[in-house]
Amino acid sequence: MAWIGLYRPDRAEISSAANEFDLHHLAVDDAIAAHQRPELER
């Protein structure tokens, strides 16, 4: 598990973190949308 704290990231920073940690594109979309938090479903 990793906690990634970014202060007001732009799309380039989010994209870089998503590529580095192999994040699912839907989780990234949720993080970009205002007032959304990424979620995990098993």
PDB file of N, CA and C in Angstrom:
ATOM      1  N   MET A   1       0.848  -1.162   0.000  1.00  0.00           N
ATOM      2  CA  MET A   1       0.000   0.000   0.000  1.00  0.00           C
ATOM      3  C   MET A   1       0.895   1.226   0.000  1.00  0.00           C
ATOM      4  N   ALA A   2       0.474   2.213  -0.747  1.00  0.00           N
ATOM      5  CA  ALA A   2       1.226   3.466  -0.805  1.00  0.00           C
ATOM      6  C   ALA A   2       0.257   4.627  -0.698  1.00  0.00           C
ATOM      7  N   TRP A   3       0.654   5.640   0.050  1.00  0.00           N
ATOM      8  CA  TRP A   3      -0.123   6.873   0.115  1.00  0.00           C
ATOM      9  C   TRP A   3       0.641   7.897  -0.706  1.00  0.00           C
ATOM     10  N   ILE A   4      -0.049   8.464  -1.667  1.00  0.00           N
ATOM     11  CA  ILE A   4       0.586   9.447  -2.539  1.00  0.00           C
ATOM     12  C   ILE A   4      -0.083  10.783  -2.274  1.00  0.00           C
ATOM     13  N   GLY A   5       0.638  11.713  -1.707  1.00  0.00           N
ATOM     14  CA  GLY A   5       0.089  13.028  -1.406  1.00  0.00           C
ATOM     15  C   GLY A   5       0.567  14.050  -2.428  1.00  0.00           C
ATOM     16  N   LEU A   6      -0.358  14.535  -3.218  1.00  0.00           N
ATOM     17  CA  LEU A   6      -0.035  15.561  -4.218  1.00  0.00           C
ATOM     18  C   LEU A   6      -0.884  16.789  -3.921  1.00  0.00           C
ATOM     19  N   TYR A   7      -0.259  17.952  -3.888  1.00  0.00           N
ATOM     20  CA  TYR A   7      -0.978  19.192  -3.632  1.00  0.00           C
ATOM     21  C   TYR A   7      -1.330  19.844  -4.955  1.00  0.00           C
ATOM     22  N   ARG A   8      -2.615  19.880  -5.260  1.00  0.00           N
ATOM     23  CA  ARG A   8      -3.125  20.464  -6.498  1.00  0.00           C
ATOM     24  C   ARG A   8      -2.375  19.965  -7.731  1.00  0.00           C
ATOM     25  N   PRO A   9      -2.373  18.664  -7.951  1.00  0.00           N
ATOM     26  CA  PRO A   9      -1.634  18.119  -9.100  1.00  0.00           C
ATOM     27  C   PRO A   9      -2.318  18.479 -10.419  1.00  0.00           C
ATOM     28  N   ASP A  10      -1.504  18.669 -11.443  1.00  0.00           N
ATOM     29  CA  ASP A  10      -2.067  18.859 -12.769  1.00  0.00           C
ATOM     30  C   ASP A  10      -2.182  17.488 -13.440  1.00  0.00           C
ATOM     31  N   ARG A  11      -2.757  17.468 -14.617  1.00  0.00           N
ATOM     32  CA  ARG A  11      -2.976  16.188 -15.304  1.00  0.00           C
ATOM     33  C   ARG A  11      -1.669  15.446 -15.575  1.00  0.00           C
ATOM     34  N   ALA A  12      -0.600  16.175 -15.851  1.00  0.00           N
ATOM     35  CA  ALA A  12       0.696  15.538 -16.122  1.00  0.00           C
ATOM     36  C   ALA A  12       1.211  14.800 -14.882  1.00  0.00           C
ATOM     37  N   GLU A  13       1.076  15.408 -13.705  1.00  0.00           N
ATOM     38  CA  GLU A  13       1.522  14.760 -12.467  1.00  0.00           C
ATOM     39  C   GLU A  13       0.672  13.530 -12.156  1.00  0.00           C
ATOM     40  N   ILE A  14      -0.627  13.657 -12.349  1.00  0.00           N
ATOM     41  CA  ILE A  14      -1.510  12.521 -12.101  1.00  0.00           C
ATOM     42  C   ILE A  14      -1.205  11.395 -13.083  1.00  0.00           C
ATOM     43  N   SER A  15      -0.999  11.737 -14.326  1.00  0.00           N
ATOM     44  CA  SER A  15      -0.672  10.744 -15.342  1.00  0.00           C
ATOM     45  C   SER A  15       0.637  10.041 -15.020  1.00  0.00           C
ATOM     46  N   SER A  16       1.617  10.788 -14.571  1.00  0.00           N
ATOM     47  CA  SER A  16       2.911  10.210 -14.209  1.00  0.00           C
ATOM     48  C   SER A  16       2.770   9.221 -13.045  1.00  0.00           C
ATOM     49  N   ALA A  17       2.025   9.603 -12.013  1.00  0.00           N
ATOM     50  CA  ALA A  17       1.802   8.707 -10.871  1.00  0.00           C
ATOM     51  C   ALA A  17       1.008   7.479 -11.304  1.00  0.00           C
ATOM     52  N   ALA A  18       0.016   7.671 -12.171  1.00  0.00           N
ATOM     53  CA  ALA A  18      -0.794   6.551 -12.648  1.00  0.00           C
ATOM     54  C   ALA A  18       0.053   5.551 -13.412  1.00  0.00           C
ATOM     55  N   ASN A  19       0.957   6.047 -14.238  1.00  0.00           N
ATOM     56  CA  ASN A  19       1.840   5.145 -14.987  1.00  0.00           C
ATOM     57  C   ASN A  19       2.827   4.441 -14.067  1.00  0.00           C
ATOM     58  N   GLU A  20       3.368   5.167 -13.105  1.00  0.00           N
ATOM     59  CA  GLU A  20       4.361   4.598 -12.186  1.00  0.00           C
ATOM     60  C   GLU A  20       3.765   3.473 -11.337  1.00  0.00           C
ATOM     61  N   PHE A  21       2.536   3.657 -10.878  1.00  0.00           N
ATOM     62  CA  PHE A  21       1.908   2.687  -9.987  1.00  0.00           C
ATOM     63  C   PHE A  21       0.895   1.795 -10.699  1.00  0.00           C
ATOM     64  N   ASP A  22       0.819   1.881 -12.025  1.00  0.00           N
ATOM     65  CA  ASP A  22      -0.074   1.046 -12.835  1.00  0.00           C
ATOM     66  C   ASP A  22      -1.511   1.124 -12.321  1.00  0.00           C
ATOM     67  N   LEU A  23      -2.002   2.355 -12.161  1.00  0.00           N
ATOM     68  CA  LEU A  23      -3.351   2.578 -11.658  1.00  0.00           C
ATOM     69  C   LEU A  23      -4.372   2.393 -12.771  1.00  0.00           C
ATOM     70  N   HIS A  24      -5.525   1.882 -12.416  1.00  0.00           N
ATOM     71  CA  HIS A  24      -6.605   1.676 -13.376  1.00  0.00           C
ATOM     72  C   HIS A  24      -7.133   3.032 -13.831  1.00  0.00           C
ATOM     73  N   HIS A  25      -7.450   3.145 -15.109  1.00  0.00           N
ATOM     74  CA  HIS A  25      -7.862   4.440 -15.656  1.00  0.00           C
ATOM     75  C   HIS A  25      -9.146   4.975 -15.019  1.00  0.00           C
ATOM     76  N   LEU A  26     -10.039   4.102 -14.571  1.00  0.00           N
ATOM     77  CA  LEU A  26     -11.257   4.579 -13.921  1.00  0.00           C
ATOM     78  C   LEU A  26     -10.956   5.191 -12.554  1.00  0.00           C
ATOM     79  N   ALA A  27      -9.994   4.639 -11.848  1.00  0.00           N
ATOM     80  CA  ALA A  27      -9.583   5.212 -10.566  1.00  0.00           C
ATOM     81  C   ALA A  27      -8.961   6.588 -10.776  1.00  0.00           C
ATOM     82  N   VAL A  28      -8.189   6.718 -11.849  1.00  0.00           N
ATOM     83  CA  VAL A  28      -7.569   8.008 -12.162  1.00  0.00           C
ATOM     84  C   VAL A  28      -8.647   9.026 -12.538  1.00  0.00           C
ATOM     85  N   ASP A  29      -9.623   8.610 -13.330  1.00  0.00           N
ATOM     86  CA  ASP A  29     -10.727   9.505 -13.693  1.00  0.00           C
ATOM     87  C   ASP A  29     -11.478   9.980 -12.457  1.00  0.00           C
ATOM     88  N   ASP A  30     -11.715   9.083 -11.503  1.00  0.00           N
ATOM     89  CA  ASP A  30     -12.391   9.464 -10.260  1.00  0.00           C
ATOM     90  C   ASP A  30     -11.557  10.462  -9.464  1.00  0.00           C
ATOM     91  N   ALA A  31     -10.252  10.289  -9.461  1.00  0.00           N
ATOM     92  CA  ALA A  31      -9.379  11.197  -8.715  1.00  0.00           C
ATOM     93  C   ALA A  31      -9.341  12.578  -9.354  1.00  0.00           C
ATOM     94  N   ILE A  32      -9.457  12.632 -10.675  1.00  0.00           N
ATOM     95  CA  ILE A  32      -9.410  13.911 -11.379  1.00  0.00           C
ATOM     96  C   ILE A  32     -10.718  14.688 -11.195  1.00  0.00           C
ATOM     97  N   ALA A  33     -11.841  13.976 -11.184  1.00  0.00           N
ATOM     98  CA  ALA A  33     -13.149  14.629 -11.062  1.00  0.00           C
ATOM     99  C   ALA A  33     -13.273  15.298  -9.691  1.00  0.00           C
ATOM    100  N   ALA A  34     -13.863  16.484  -9.680  1.00  0.00           N
ATOM    101  CA  ALA A  34     -14.007  17.225  -8.423  1.00  0.00           C
ATOM    102  C   ALA A  34     -14.845  16.447  -7.420  1.00  0.00           C
ATOM    103  N   HIS A  35     -14.412  16.459  -6.190  1.00  0.00           N
ATOM    104  CA  HIS A  35     -15.123  15.838  -5.067  1.00  0.00           C
ATOM    105  C   HIS A  35     -15.315  14.336  -5.252  1.00  0.00           C
ATOM    106  N   GLN A  36     -14.402  13.703  -5.918  1.00  0.00           N
ATOM    107  CA  GLN A  36     -14.449  12.253  -6.082  1.00  0.00           C
ATOM    108  C   GLN A  36     -13.217  11.653  -5.422  1.00  0.00           C
ATOM    109  N   ARG A  37     -13.391  10.477  -4.877  1.00  0.00           N
ATOM    110  CA  ARG A  37     -12.270   9.730  -4.326  1.00  0.00           C
ATOM    111  C   ARG A  37     -12.171   8.418  -5.076  1.00  0.00           C
ATOM    112  N   PRO A  38     -10.938   7.950  -5.320  1.00  0.00           N
ATOM    113  CA  PRO A  38     -10.812   6.648  -5.952  1.00  0.00           C
ATOM    114  C   PRO A  38     -11.382   5.566  -5.038  1.00  0.00           C
ATOM    115  N   GLU A  39     -11.891   4.510  -5.605  1.00  0.00           N
ATOM    116  CA  GLU A  39     -12.453   3.424  -4.816  1.00  0.00           C
ATOM    117  C   GLU A  39     -11.861   2.103  -5.263  1.00  0.00           C
ATOM    118  N   LEU A  40     -11.893   1.164  -4.384  1.00  0.00           N
ATOM    119  CA  LEU A  40     -11.374  -0.164  -4.661  1.00  0.00           C
ATOM    120  C   LEU A  40     -12.482  -1.167  -4.447  1.00  0.00           C
ATOM    121  N   GLU A  41     -12.693  -2.000  -5.422  1.00  0.00           N
ATOM    122  CA  GLU A  41     -13.691  -3.060  -5.293  1.00  0.00           C
ATOM    123  C   GLU A  41     -12.974  -4.386  -5.488  1.00  0.00           C
ATOM    124  N   ARG A  42     -13.303  -5.328  -4.649  1.00  0.00           N
ATOM    125  CA  ARG A  42     -12.686  -6.666  -4.759  1.00  0.00           C
ATOM    126  C   ARG A  42     -13.610  -7.580  -5.507  1.00  0.00           C
TER     127      ARG A  42
END
